[in-house]
Amino acid sequence: MNKYNIKELAEKLERCRNVNLDDVKLEDVDEITAIKIDRRKSSNERILDFIMKAKNPYIFKINGKLVRIRFSETDKTAEDCLTNVLKYLYR
């Protein structure tokens, strides 16, 4: 996992989290199926790969529809939620 710059990824997450959806153009958003993640990697590495590869890990397209992920104030971490999403998508 040395190839990941955690500080840069954390800064990217902070920037992306606060993007106003009204400012997002559909053509500028990743289609989720186009983001390829190696299933052989650990769940932590898959999450880091997703964050690194996605233009905005909180906003993407599924079949041309804009989707935004938000997290509630619960005991679940963002990692838990992203792991669940990635497990569902890449099973």
N, C-alpha and C. Protein backbone atom coordinates (compact mmCIF):
# COMPACT_ATOMS: atom_id res chain seq x y z
N MET A 1 0.82 -1.20 0.00
CA MET A 1 0.00 0.00 0.00
C MET A 1 0.86 1.26 0.00
N ASN A 2 2.12 1.14 -0.25
CA ASN A 2 3.01 2.28 -0.22
C ASN A 2 2.78 3.25 -1.38
N LYS A 3 2.12 2.81 -2.46
CA LYS A 3 1.96 3.68 -3.62
C LYS A 3 0.89 4.75 -3.41
N TYR A 4 0.18 4.72 -2.31
CA TYR A 4 -0.89 5.67 -2.05
C TYR A 4 -0.38 6.82 -1.19
N ASN A 5 -0.69 8.03 -1.60
CA ASN A 5 -0.38 9.20 -0.80
C ASN A 5 -1.66 9.52 0.00
N ILE A 6 -1.71 9.04 1.21
CA ILE A 6 -2.93 9.14 2.03
C ILE A 6 -3.32 10.59 2.27
N LYS A 7 -2.35 11.45 2.48
CA LYS A 7 -2.65 12.87 2.70
C LYS A 7 -3.35 13.47 1.48
N GLU A 8 -2.84 13.17 0.28
CA GLU A 8 -3.46 13.68 -0.94
C GLU A 8 -4.87 13.11 -1.12
N LEU A 9 -5.05 11.82 -0.83
CA LEU A 9 -6.37 11.21 -0.96
C LEU A 9 -7.35 11.82 0.03
N ALA A 10 -6.89 12.09 1.25
CA ALA A 10 -7.76 12.73 2.26
C ALA A 10 -8.15 14.13 1.81
N GLU A 11 -7.22 14.86 1.22
CA GLU A 11 -7.52 16.21 0.72
C GLU A 11 -8.51 16.14 -0.44
N LYS A 12 -8.35 15.14 -1.30
CA LYS A 12 -9.28 14.96 -2.42
C LYS A 12 -10.68 14.67 -1.90
N LEU A 13 -10.77 13.80 -0.91
CA LEU A 13 -12.08 13.48 -0.33
C LEU A 13 -12.74 14.72 0.25
N GLU A 14 -11.97 15.54 0.94
CA GLU A 14 -12.52 16.76 1.54
C GLU A 14 -13.03 17.70 0.45
N ARG A 15 -12.25 17.90 -0.60
CA ARG A 15 -12.67 18.77 -1.72
C ARG A 15 -13.93 18.23 -2.38
N CYS A 16 -13.94 16.94 -2.66
CA CYS A 16 -15.04 16.32 -3.39
C CYS A 16 -16.33 16.27 -2.58
N ARG A 17 -16.20 16.10 -1.29
CA ARG A 17 -17.38 16.01 -0.42
C ARG A 17 -18.21 17.29 -0.48
N ASN A 18 -17.56 18.42 -0.67
CA ASN A 18 -18.24 19.71 -0.60
C ASN A 18 -18.67 20.27 -1.95
N VAL A 19 -18.57 19.45 -3.01
CA VAL A 19 -18.98 19.91 -4.34
C VAL A 19 -20.50 20.08 -4.36
N ASN A 20 -20.93 21.21 -4.90
CA ASN A 20 -22.36 21.49 -5.05
C ASN A 20 -22.86 20.72 -6.27
N LEU A 21 -23.88 19.91 -6.09
CA LEU A 21 -24.41 19.07 -7.16
C LEU A 21 -24.91 19.92 -8.34
N ASP A 22 -25.36 21.13 -8.07
CA ASP A 22 -25.83 22.01 -9.15
C ASP A 22 -24.69 22.43 -10.08
N ASP A 23 -23.46 22.35 -9.60
CA ASP A 23 -22.29 22.74 -10.39
C ASP A 23 -21.70 21.57 -11.19
N VAL A 24 -22.30 20.40 -11.07
CA VAL A 24 -21.76 19.19 -11.70
C VAL A 24 -22.42 18.99 -13.06
N LYS A 25 -21.60 18.79 -14.09
CA LYS A 25 -22.09 18.48 -15.43
C LYS A 25 -22.00 16.97 -15.62
N LEU A 26 -23.07 16.38 -16.11
CA LEU A 26 -23.15 14.93 -16.28
C LEU A 26 -21.97 14.39 -17.10
N GLU A 27 -21.55 15.11 -18.11
CA GLU A 27 -20.46 14.64 -18.97
C GLU A 27 -19.09 14.68 -18.27
N ASP A 28 -19.00 15.37 -17.15
CA ASP A 28 -17.74 15.46 -16.40
C ASP A 28 -17.62 14.43 -15.28
N VAL A 29 -18.61 13.55 -15.18
CA VAL A 29 -18.68 12.59 -14.07
C VAL A 29 -18.34 11.19 -14.58
N ASP A 30 -17.61 10.43 -13.77
CA ASP A 30 -17.25 9.05 -14.14
C ASP A 30 -18.47 8.14 -14.18
N GLU A 31 -18.52 7.26 -15.18
CA GLU A 31 -19.46 6.15 -15.18
C GLU A 31 -18.85 5.10 -14.27
N ILE A 32 -19.57 4.67 -13.25
CA ILE A 32 -19.03 3.79 -12.21
C ILE A 32 -18.47 2.49 -12.81
N THR A 33 -19.11 1.99 -13.87
CA THR A 33 -18.65 0.74 -14.47
C THR A 33 -17.33 0.91 -15.22
N ALA A 34 -16.94 2.13 -15.51
CA ALA A 34 -15.67 2.38 -16.22
C ALA A 34 -14.48 2.41 -15.27
N ILE A 35 -14.74 2.46 -13.97
CA ILE A 35 -13.67 2.48 -12.98
C ILE A 35 -13.34 1.03 -12.64
N LYS A 36 -12.19 0.59 -13.08
CA LYS A 36 -11.79 -0.80 -12.89
C LYS A 36 -10.95 -0.95 -11.63
N ILE A 37 -11.38 -1.85 -10.76
CA ILE A 37 -10.70 -2.11 -9.49
C ILE A 37 -10.30 -3.58 -9.47
N ASP A 38 -9.07 -3.85 -9.08
CA ASP A 38 -8.54 -5.22 -9.01
C ASP A 38 -9.14 -5.93 -7.79
N ARG A 39 -9.94 -6.93 -8.05
CA ARG A 39 -10.61 -7.67 -6.97
C ARG A 39 -9.66 -8.47 -6.09
N ARG A 40 -8.46 -8.69 -6.59
CA ARG A 40 -7.49 -9.48 -5.82
C ARG A 40 -6.85 -8.67 -4.70
N LYS A 41 -7.00 -7.37 -4.74
CA LYS A 41 -6.42 -6.51 -3.69
C LYS A 41 -7.26 -6.58 -2.43
N SER A 42 -6.66 -6.17 -1.33
CA SER A 42 -7.40 -6.12 -0.06
C SER A 42 -8.51 -5.07 -0.16
N SER A 43 -9.48 -5.14 0.72
CA SER A 43 -10.58 -4.17 0.69
C SER A 43 -10.06 -2.74 0.87
N ASN A 44 -9.07 -2.56 1.73
CA ASN A 44 -8.50 -1.22 1.92
C ASN A 44 -7.86 -0.70 0.63
N GLU A 45 -7.13 -1.57 -0.06
CA GLU A 45 -6.50 -1.15 -1.31
C GLU A 45 -7.53 -0.87 -2.40
N ARG A 46 -8.62 -1.64 -2.42
CA ARG A 46 -9.68 -1.39 -3.41
C ARG A 46 -10.33 -0.04 -3.15
N ILE A 47 -10.55 0.30 -1.90
CA ILE A 47 -11.13 1.60 -1.57
C ILE A 47 -10.18 2.72 -1.98
N LEU A 48 -8.92 2.56 -1.66
CA LEU A 48 -7.92 3.58 -2.03
C LEU A 48 -7.83 3.71 -3.55
N ASP A 49 -7.86 2.61 -4.26
CA ASP A 49 -7.85 2.66 -5.72
C ASP A 49 -9.06 3.41 -6.26
N PHE A 50 -10.21 3.13 -5.70
CA PHE A 50 -11.43 3.81 -6.14
C PHE A 50 -11.32 5.31 -5.91
N ILE A 51 -10.89 5.70 -4.73
CA ILE A 51 -10.75 7.12 -4.41
C ILE A 51 -9.74 7.77 -5.36
N MET A 52 -8.66 7.06 -5.65
CA MET A 52 -7.62 7.60 -6.51
C MET A 52 -8.11 7.71 -7.97
N LYS A 53 -8.83 6.71 -8.46
CA LYS A 53 -9.23 6.67 -9.87
C LYS A 53 -10.45 7.53 -10.18
N ALA A 54 -11.37 7.65 -9.24
CA ALA A 54 -12.60 8.41 -9.50
C ALA A 54 -12.30 9.91 -9.51
N LYS A 55 -12.93 10.61 -10.44
CA LYS A 55 -12.79 12.06 -10.45
C LYS A 55 -13.33 12.63 -9.14
N ASN A 56 -14.50 12.13 -8.75
CA ASN A 56 -15.10 12.50 -7.47
C ASN A 56 -15.73 11.23 -6.90
N PRO A 57 -15.16 10.67 -5.82
CA PRO A 57 -15.68 9.40 -5.29
C PRO A 57 -17.08 9.50 -4.68
N TYR A 58 -17.58 10.71 -4.52
CA TYR A 58 -18.92 10.90 -3.97
C TYR A 58 -19.98 11.08 -5.05
N ILE A 59 -19.57 11.40 -6.26
CA ILE A 59 -20.52 11.67 -7.35
C ILE A 59 -20.06 10.89 -8.58
N PHE A 60 -20.98 10.09 -9.14
CA PHE A 60 -20.67 9.31 -10.33
C PHE A 60 -21.95 9.00 -11.06
N LYS A 61 -21.83 8.35 -12.21
CA LYS A 61 -23.00 7.96 -12.99
C LYS A 61 -23.17 6.45 -12.91
N ILE A 62 -24.42 6.03 -12.92
CA ILE A 62 -24.78 4.63 -13.08
C ILE A 62 -25.80 4.60 -14.20
N ASN A 63 -25.44 3.96 -15.31
CA ASN A 63 -26.31 3.92 -16.50
C ASN A 63 -26.77 5.33 -16.90
N GLY A 64 -25.85 6.29 -16.86
CA GLY A 64 -26.15 7.64 -17.29
C GLY A 64 -26.89 8.50 -16.28
N LYS A 65 -27.19 7.95 -15.11
CA LYS A 65 -27.90 8.70 -14.06
C LYS A 65 -26.91 9.17 -13.02
N LEU A 66 -27.04 10.42 -12.63
CA LEU A 66 -26.16 11.01 -11.62
C LEU A 66 -26.50 10.46 -10.24
N VAL A 67 -25.46 10.02 -9.52
CA VAL A 67 -25.63 9.46 -8.18
C VAL A 67 -24.66 10.18 -7.25
N ARG A 68 -25.15 10.52 -6.07
CA ARG A 68 -24.29 11.13 -5.06
C ARG A 68 -24.36 10.28 -3.80
N ILE A 69 -23.19 10.02 -3.21
CA ILE A 69 -23.12 9.27 -1.97
C ILE A 69 -22.93 10.27 -0.83
N ARG A 70 -23.71 10.09 0.20
CA ARG A 70 -23.53 10.86 1.43
C ARG A 70 -23.59 9.89 2.59
N PHE A 71 -22.94 10.28 3.69
CA PHE A 71 -22.89 9.41 4.85
C PHE A 71 -23.56 10.08 6.03
N SER A 72 -24.32 9.30 6.75
CA SER A 72 -25.01 9.80 7.94
C SER A 72 -24.06 9.80 9.13
N GLU A 73 -24.45 10.50 10.14
CA GLU A 73 -23.68 10.51 11.39
C GLU A 73 -24.05 9.24 12.17
N THR A 74 -23.33 8.17 11.88
CA THR A 74 -23.57 6.88 12.55
C THR A 74 -22.22 6.32 12.98
N ASP A 75 -22.28 5.13 13.53
CA ASP A 75 -21.04 4.46 13.92
C ASP A 75 -20.28 3.90 12.72
N LYS A 76 -20.95 3.79 11.57
CA LYS A 76 -20.27 3.28 10.38
C LYS A 76 -19.30 4.33 9.86
N THR A 77 -18.15 3.86 9.46
CA THR A 77 -17.16 4.76 8.88
C THR A 77 -17.39 4.85 7.37
N ALA A 78 -16.79 5.85 6.75
CA ALA A 78 -16.85 5.97 5.30
C ALA A 78 -16.25 4.71 4.67
N GLU A 79 -15.21 4.20 5.28
CA GLU A 79 -14.58 2.98 4.78
C GLU A 79 -15.57 1.82 4.78
N ASP A 80 -16.35 1.68 5.85
CA ASP A 80 -17.36 0.62 5.91
C ASP A 80 -18.36 0.75 4.76
N CYS A 81 -18.83 1.96 4.56
CA CYS A 81 -19.83 2.21 3.52
C CYS A 81 -19.26 1.98 2.13
N LEU A 82 -18.07 2.51 1.85
CA LEU A 82 -17.47 2.30 0.54
C LEU A 82 -17.13 0.84 0.31
N THR A 83 -16.70 0.15 1.35
CA THR A 83 -16.43 -1.28 1.22
C THR A 83 -17.69 -2.02 0.83
N ASN A 84 -18.79 -1.71 1.46
CA ASN A 84 -20.06 -2.36 1.13
C ASN A 84 -20.48 -2.07 -0.31
N VAL A 85 -20.33 -0.83 -0.75
CA VAL A 85 -20.67 -0.48 -2.13
C VAL A 85 -19.79 -1.24 -3.10
N LEU A 86 -18.48 -1.23 -2.85
CA LEU A 86 -17.56 -1.92 -3.75
C LEU A 86 -17.78 -3.42 -3.76
N LYS A 87 -18.06 -4.01 -2.62
CA LYS A 87 -18.35 -5.45 -2.56
C LYS A 87 -19.58 -5.78 -3.38
N TYR A 88 -20.60 -4.92 -3.31
CA TYR A 88 -21.83 -5.15 -4.06
C TYR A 88 -21.57 -5.03 -5.56
N LEU A 89 -20.82 -3.99 -5.96
CA LEU A 89 -20.58 -3.74 -7.38
C LEU A 89 -19.63 -4.75 -8.00
N TYR A 90 -18.65 -5.21 -7.25
CA TYR A 90 -17.58 -6.04 -7.81
C TYR A 90 -17.57 -7.45 -7.24
N ARG A 91 -18.74 -8.01 -6.97
CA ARG A 91 -18.79 -9.37 -6.45
C ARG A 91 -18.70 -10.38 -7.53
